[in-house]
Amino acid sequence: MTINLIFKIAAVGIIVTILNQVLKHAGRDEQAFLVSLAGLILVLVWVLPYIAELFESMKRLFSL
């Protein structure tokens, strides 16, 4: 995992937090929820290959 990925995740977190607060104060709770959900899905898509690689490494390590 590179430091670049960590910075991207942090940037998404900051942007989602700001948008979430703005939308909640505007009374648009549904859109705030959707922005949070979209941020979560985006980060999961970025991290999923690394998780799969971790499981493959564990599988090879224990020879299962």
PDB file of N, CA and C in Angstrom:
ATOM      1  N   MET A   1       0.861  -1.175   0.000  1.00  0.00           N
ATOM      2  CA  MET A   1       0.000   0.000   0.000  1.00  0.00           C
ATOM      3  C   MET A   1       0.906   1.236   0.000  1.00  0.00           C
ATOM      4  N   THR A   2       0.601   2.144  -0.849  1.00  0.00           N
ATOM      5  CA  THR A   2       1.425   3.335  -0.962  1.00  0.00           C
ATOM      6  C   THR A   2       0.864   4.465  -0.117  1.00  0.00           C
ATOM      7  N   ILE A   3       1.715   5.426   0.156  1.00  0.00           N
ATOM      8  CA  ILE A   3       1.301   6.595   0.928  1.00  0.00           C
ATOM      9  C   ILE A   3       0.302   7.429   0.119  1.00  0.00           C
ATOM     10  N   ASN A   4       0.367   7.309  -1.205  1.00  0.00           N
ATOM     11  CA  ASN A   4      -0.553   8.032  -2.073  1.00  0.00           C
ATOM     12  C   ASN A   4      -2.000   7.611  -1.811  1.00  0.00           C
ATOM     13  N   LEU A   5      -2.209   6.317  -1.608  1.00  0.00           N
ATOM     14  CA  LEU A   5      -3.557   5.818  -1.322  1.00  0.00           C
ATOM     15  C   LEU A   5      -4.078   6.370  -0.001  1.00  0.00           C
ATOM     16  N   ILE A   6      -3.213   6.451   0.989  1.00  0.00           N
ATOM     17  CA  ILE A   6      -3.625   6.986   2.291  1.00  0.00           C
ATOM     18  C   ILE A   6      -4.031   8.449   2.161  1.00  0.00           C
ATOM     19  N   PHE A   7      -3.279   9.216   1.386  1.00  0.00           N
ATOM     20  CA  PHE A   7      -3.631  10.621   1.163  1.00  0.00           C
ATOM     21  C   PHE A   7      -4.948  10.761   0.412  1.00  0.00           C
ATOM     22  N   LYS A   8      -5.184   9.871  -0.562  1.00  0.00           N
ATOM     23  CA  LYS A   8      -6.450   9.917  -1.297  1.00  0.00           C
ATOM     24  C   LYS A   8      -7.628   9.603  -0.384  1.00  0.00           C
ATOM     25  N   ILE A   9      -7.464   8.617   0.492  1.00  0.00           N
ATOM     26  CA  ILE A   9      -8.532   8.259   1.430  1.00  0.00           C
ATOM     27  C   ILE A   9      -8.800   9.417   2.383  1.00  0.00           C
ATOM     28  N   ALA A  10      -7.743  10.060   2.866  1.00  0.00           N
ATOM     29  CA  ALA A  10      -7.907  11.203   3.757  1.00  0.00           C
ATOM     30  C   ALA A  10      -8.621  12.355   3.048  1.00  0.00           C
ATOM     31  N   ALA A  11      -8.268  12.601   1.795  1.00  0.00           N
ATOM     32  CA  ALA A  11      -8.914  13.676   1.041  1.00  0.00           C
ATOM     33  C   ALA A  11     -10.399  13.390   0.830  1.00  0.00           C
ATOM     34  N   VAL A  12     -10.730  12.154   0.519  1.00  0.00           N
ATOM     35  CA  VAL A  12     -12.143  11.789   0.356  1.00  0.00           C
ATOM     36  C   VAL A  12     -12.879  11.974   1.675  1.00  0.00           C
ATOM     37  N   GLY A  13     -12.247  11.591   2.773  1.00  0.00           N
ATOM     38  CA  GLY A  13     -12.872  11.754   4.083  1.00  0.00           C
ATOM     39  C   GLY A  13     -13.142  13.211   4.413  1.00  0.00           C
ATOM     40  N   ILE A  14     -12.195  14.079   4.120  1.00  0.00           N
ATOM     41  CA  ILE A  14     -12.381  15.507   4.388  1.00  0.00           C
ATOM     42  C   ILE A  14     -13.483  16.088   3.513  1.00  0.00           C
ATOM     43  N   ILE A  15     -13.473  15.750   2.233  1.00  0.00           N
ATOM     44  CA  ILE A  15     -14.491  16.278   1.314  1.00  0.00           C
ATOM     45  C   ILE A  15     -15.881  15.780   1.687  1.00  0.00           C
ATOM     46  N   VAL A  16     -15.986  14.494   2.016  1.00  0.00           N
ATOM     47  CA  VAL A  16     -17.285  13.932   2.393  1.00  0.00           C
ATOM     48  C   VAL A  16     -17.789  14.579   3.680  1.00  0.00           C
ATOM     49  N   THR A  17     -16.908  14.812   4.631  1.00  0.00           N
ATOM     50  CA  THR A  17     -17.307  15.440   5.884  1.00  0.00           C
ATOM     51  C   THR A  17     -17.832  16.858   5.659  1.00  0.00           C
ATOM     52  N   ILE A  18     -17.125  17.622   4.837  1.00  0.00           N
ATOM     53  CA  ILE A  18     -17.557  18.994   4.557  1.00  0.00           C
ATOM     54  C   ILE A  18     -18.900  18.994   3.835  1.00  0.00           C
ATOM     55  N   LEU A  19     -19.029  18.164   2.792  1.00  0.00           N
ATOM     56  CA  LEU A  19     -20.301  18.104   2.064  1.00  0.00           C
ATOM     57  C   LEU A  19     -21.438  17.625   2.950  1.00  0.00           C
ATOM     58  N   ASN A  20     -21.142  16.667   3.822  1.00  0.00           N
ATOM     59  CA  ASN A  20     -22.155  16.141   4.724  1.00  0.00           C
ATOM     60  C   ASN A  20     -22.668  17.241   5.656  1.00  0.00           C
ATOM     61  N   GLN A  21     -21.774  18.023   6.223  1.00  0.00           N
ATOM     62  CA  GLN A  21     -22.185  19.093   7.134  1.00  0.00           C
ATOM     63  C   GLN A  21     -22.988  20.176   6.405  1.00  0.00           C
ATOM     64  N   VAL A  22     -22.540  20.533   5.215  1.00  0.00           N
ATOM     65  CA  VAL A  22     -23.258  21.565   4.451  1.00  0.00           C
ATOM     66  C   VAL A  22     -24.668  21.084   4.107  1.00  0.00           C
ATOM     67  N   LEU A  23     -24.780  19.841   3.663  1.00  0.00           N
ATOM     68  CA  LEU A  23     -26.091  19.322   3.285  1.00  0.00           C
ATOM     69  C   LEU A  23     -27.004  19.156   4.499  1.00  0.00           C
ATOM     70  N   LYS A  24     -26.469  18.754   5.636  1.00  0.00           N
ATOM     71  CA  LYS A  24     -27.302  18.613   6.832  1.00  0.00           C
ATOM     72  C   LYS A  24     -27.819  19.957   7.311  1.00  0.00           C
ATOM     73  N   HIS A  25     -26.972  20.986   7.252  1.00  0.00           N
ATOM     74  CA  HIS A  25     -27.417  22.314   7.671  1.00  0.00           C
ATOM     75  C   HIS A  25     -28.423  22.896   6.687  1.00  0.00           C
ATOM     76  N   ALA A  26     -28.403  22.441   5.450  1.00  0.00           N
ATOM     77  CA  ALA A  26     -29.372  22.900   4.457  1.00  0.00           C
ATOM     78  C   ALA A  26     -30.675  22.115   4.542  1.00  0.00           C
ATOM     79  N   GLY A  27     -30.717  21.109   5.413  1.00  0.00           N
ATOM     80  CA  GLY A  27     -31.932  20.326   5.566  1.00  0.00           C
ATOM     81  C   GLY A  27     -32.073  19.199   4.570  1.00  0.00           C
ATOM     82  N   ARG A  28     -31.005  18.820   3.934  1.00  0.00           N
ATOM     83  CA  ARG A  28     -31.043  17.747   2.936  1.00  0.00           C
ATOM     84  C   ARG A  28     -30.334  16.513   3.485  1.00  0.00           C
ATOM     85  N   ASP A  29     -30.982  15.891   4.441  1.00  0.00           N
ATOM     86  CA  ASP A  29     -30.373  14.749   5.115  1.00  0.00           C
ATOM     87  C   ASP A  29     -30.219  13.544   4.185  1.00  0.00           C
ATOM     88  N   GLU A  30     -31.154  13.369   3.260  1.00  0.00           N
ATOM     89  CA  GLU A  30     -31.067  12.229   2.354  1.00  0.00           C
ATOM     90  C   GLU A  30     -29.843  12.336   1.442  1.00  0.00           C
ATOM     91  N   GLN A  31     -29.614  13.539   0.917  1.00  0.00           N
ATOM     92  CA  GLN A  31     -28.447  13.732   0.062  1.00  0.00           C
ATOM     93  C   GLN A  31     -27.150  13.597   0.862  1.00  0.00           C
ATOM     94  N   ALA A  32     -27.157  14.036   2.127  1.00  0.00           N
ATOM     95  CA  ALA A  32     -25.975  13.891   2.973  1.00  0.00           C
ATOM     96  C   ALA A  32     -25.656  12.418   3.186  1.00  0.00           C
ATOM     97  N   PHE A  33     -26.688  11.620   3.389  1.00  0.00           N
ATOM     98  CA  PHE A  33     -26.480  10.181   3.548  1.00  0.00           C
ATOM     99  C   PHE A  33     -25.915   9.564   2.274  1.00  0.00           C
ATOM    100  N   LEU A  34     -26.440   9.976   1.125  1.00  0.00           N
ATOM    101  CA  LEU A  34     -25.958   9.434  -0.149  1.00  0.00           C
ATOM    102  C   LEU A  34     -24.507   9.833  -0.428  1.00  0.00           C
ATOM    103  N   VAL A  35     -24.122  11.051  -0.031  1.00  0.00           N
ATOM    104  CA  VAL A  35     -22.732  11.476  -0.197  1.00  0.00           C
ATOM    105  C   VAL A  35     -21.824  10.620   0.684  1.00  0.00           C
ATOM    106  N   SER A  36     -22.239  10.360   1.906  1.00  0.00           N
ATOM    107  CA  SER A  36     -21.451   9.506   2.803  1.00  0.00           C
ATOM    108  C   SER A  36     -21.336   8.089   2.248  1.00  0.00           C
ATOM    109  N   LEU A  37     -22.423   7.564   1.740  1.00  0.00           N
ATOM    110  CA  LEU A  37     -22.419   6.223   1.166  1.00  0.00           C
ATOM    111  C   LEU A  37     -21.517   6.159  -0.070  1.00  0.00           C
ATOM    112  N   ALA A  38     -21.574   7.175  -0.907  1.00  0.00           N
ATOM    113  CA  ALA A  38     -20.725   7.207  -2.100  1.00  0.00           C
ATOM    114  C   ALA A  38     -19.244   7.278  -1.718  1.00  0.00           C
ATOM    115  N   GLY A  39     -18.911   8.049  -0.701  1.00  0.00           N
ATOM    116  CA  GLY A  39     -17.526   8.119  -0.240  1.00  0.00           C
ATOM    117  C   GLY A  39     -17.044   6.788   0.295  1.00  0.00           C
ATOM    118  N   LEU A  40     -17.904   6.103   1.042  1.00  0.00           N
ATOM    119  CA  LEU A  40     -17.548   4.798   1.582  1.00  0.00           C
ATOM    120  C   LEU A  40     -17.317   3.787   0.465  1.00  0.00           C
ATOM    121  N   ILE A  41     -18.192   3.774  -0.520  1.00  0.00           N
ATOM    122  CA  ILE A  41     -18.055   2.836  -1.639  1.00  0.00           C
ATOM    123  C   ILE A  41     -16.791   3.138  -2.437  1.00  0.00           C
ATOM    124  N   LEU A  42     -16.492   4.408  -2.643  1.00  0.00           N
ATOM    125  CA  LEU A  42     -15.286   4.780  -3.380  1.00  0.00           C
ATOM    126  C   LEU A  42     -14.023   4.285  -2.673  1.00  0.00           C
ATOM    127  N   VAL A  43     -13.956   4.485  -1.371  1.00  0.00           N
ATOM    128  CA  VAL A  43     -12.788   4.041  -0.610  1.00  0.00           C
ATOM    129  C   VAL A  43     -12.708   2.517  -0.599  1.00  0.00           C
ATOM    130  N   LEU A  44     -13.836   1.840  -0.484  1.00  0.00           N
ATOM    131  CA  LEU A  44     -13.817   0.380  -0.510  1.00  0.00           C
ATOM    132  C   LEU A  44     -13.327  -0.159  -1.846  1.00  0.00           C
ATOM    133  N   VAL A  45     -13.698   0.500  -2.930  1.00  0.00           N
ATOM    134  CA  VAL A  45     -13.229   0.072  -4.250  1.00  0.00           C
ATOM    135  C   VAL A  45     -11.715   0.232  -4.350  1.00  0.00           C
ATOM    136  N   TRP A  46     -11.173   1.294  -3.746  1.00  0.00           N
ATOM    137  CA  TRP A  46      -9.730   1.501  -3.767  1.00  0.00           C
ATOM    138  C   TRP A  46      -8.998   0.483  -2.897  1.00  0.00           C
ATOM    139  N   VAL A  47      -9.577   0.099  -1.771  1.00  0.00           N
ATOM    140  CA  VAL A  47      -8.893  -0.750  -0.797  1.00  0.00           C
ATOM    141  C   VAL A  47      -9.104  -2.235  -1.084  1.00  0.00           C
ATOM    142  N   LEU A  48     -10.151  -2.593  -1.778  1.00  0.00           N
ATOM    143  CA  LEU A  48     -10.483  -3.995  -2.011  1.00  0.00           C
ATOM    144  C   LEU A  48      -9.360  -4.805  -2.654  1.00  0.00           C
ATOM    145  N   PRO A  49      -8.633  -4.307  -3.644  1.00  0.00           N
ATOM    146  CA  PRO A  49      -7.524  -5.110  -4.192  1.00  0.00           C
ATOM    147  C   PRO A  49      -6.443  -5.430  -3.156  1.00  0.00           C
ATOM    148  N   TYR A  50      -6.193  -4.505  -2.247  1.00  0.00           N
ATOM    149  CA  TYR A  50      -5.196  -4.746  -1.208  1.00  0.00           C
ATOM    150  C   TYR A  50      -5.680  -5.799  -0.210  1.00  0.00           C
ATOM    151  N   ILE A  51      -6.969  -5.795   0.078  1.00  0.00           N
ATOM    152  CA  ILE A  51      -7.523  -6.813   0.979  1.00  0.00           C
ATOM    153  C   ILE A  51      -7.462  -8.186   0.312  1.00  0.00           C
ATOM    154  N   ALA A  52      -7.777  -8.246  -0.964  1.00  0.00           N
ATOM    155  CA  ALA A  52      -7.690  -9.521  -1.691  1.00  0.00           C
ATOM    156  C   ALA A  52      -6.255 -10.023  -1.723  1.00  0.00           C
ATOM    157  N   GLU A  53      -5.316  -9.109  -1.919  1.00  0.00           N
ATOM    158  CA  GLU A  53      -3.904  -9.488  -1.906  1.00  0.00           C
ATOM    159  C   GLU A  53      -3.481 -10.006  -0.533  1.00  0.00           C
ATOM    160  N   LEU A  54      -3.986  -9.406   0.513  1.00  0.00           N
ATOM    161  CA  LEU A  54      -3.688  -9.870   1.874  1.00  0.00           C
ATOM    162  C   LEU A  54      -4.191 -11.288   2.090  1.00  0.00           C
ATOM    163  N   PHE A  55      -5.411 -11.572   1.658  1.00  0.00           N
ATOM    164  CA  PHE A  55      -5.953 -12.920   1.825  1.00  0.00           C
ATOM    165  C   PHE A  55      -5.189 -13.941   0.987  1.00  0.00           C
ATOM    166  N   GLU A  56      -4.774 -13.549  -0.202  1.00  0.00           N
ATOM    167  CA  GLU A  56      -3.973 -14.457  -1.030  1.00  0.00           C
ATOM    168  C   GLU A  56      -2.625 -14.736  -0.367  1.00  0.00           C
ATOM    169  N   SER A  57      -2.029 -13.719   0.229  1.00  0.00           N
ATOM    170  CA  SER A  57      -0.757 -13.917   0.934  1.00  0.00           C
ATOM    171  C   SER A  57      -0.930 -14.846   2.120  1.00  0.00           C
ATOM    172  N   MET A  58      -2.024 -14.684   2.854  1.00  0.00           N
ATOM    173  CA  MET A  58      -2.295 -15.565   3.990  1.00  0.00           C
ATOM    174  C   MET A  58      -2.541 -16.998   3.523  1.00  0.00           C
ATOM    175  N   LYS A  59      -3.215 -17.121   2.399  1.00  0.00           N
ATOM    176  CA  LYS A  59      -3.489 -18.449   1.848  1.00  0.00           C
ATOM    177  C   LYS A  59      -2.194 -19.151   1.448  1.00  0.00           C
ATOM    178  N   ARG A  60      -1.311 -18.408   0.800  1.00  0.00           N
ATOM    179  CA  ARG A  60      -0.008 -18.979   0.428  1.00  0.00           C
ATOM    180  C   ARG A  60       0.838 -19.278   1.649  1.00  0.00           C
ATOM    181  N   LEU A  61       0.770 -18.426   2.645  1.00  0.00           N
ATOM    182  CA  LEU A  61       1.582 -18.591   3.853  1.00  0.00           C
ATOM    183  C   LEU A  61       1.213 -19.888   4.585  1.00  0.00           C
ATOM    184  N   PHE A  62      -0.069 -20.131   4.704  1.00  0.00           N
ATOM    185  CA  PHE A  62      -0.526 -21.318   5.424  1.00  0.00           C
ATOM    186  C   PHE A  62      -0.791 -22.496   4.493  1.00  0.00           C
ATOM    187  N   SER A  63      -0.558 -22.326   3.202  1.00  0.00           N
ATOM    188  CA  SER A  63      -0.709 -23.363   2.189  1.00  0.00           C
ATOM    189  C   SER A  63      -2.087 -24.035   2.237  1.00  0.00           C
ATOM    190  N   LEU A  64      -3.107 -23.222   2.228  1.00  0.00           N
ATOM    191  CA  LEU A  64      -4.477 -23.769   2.273  1.00  0.00           C
ATOM    192  C   LEU A  64      -5.026 -23.960   0.884  1.00  0.00           C
TER     193      LEU A  64
END
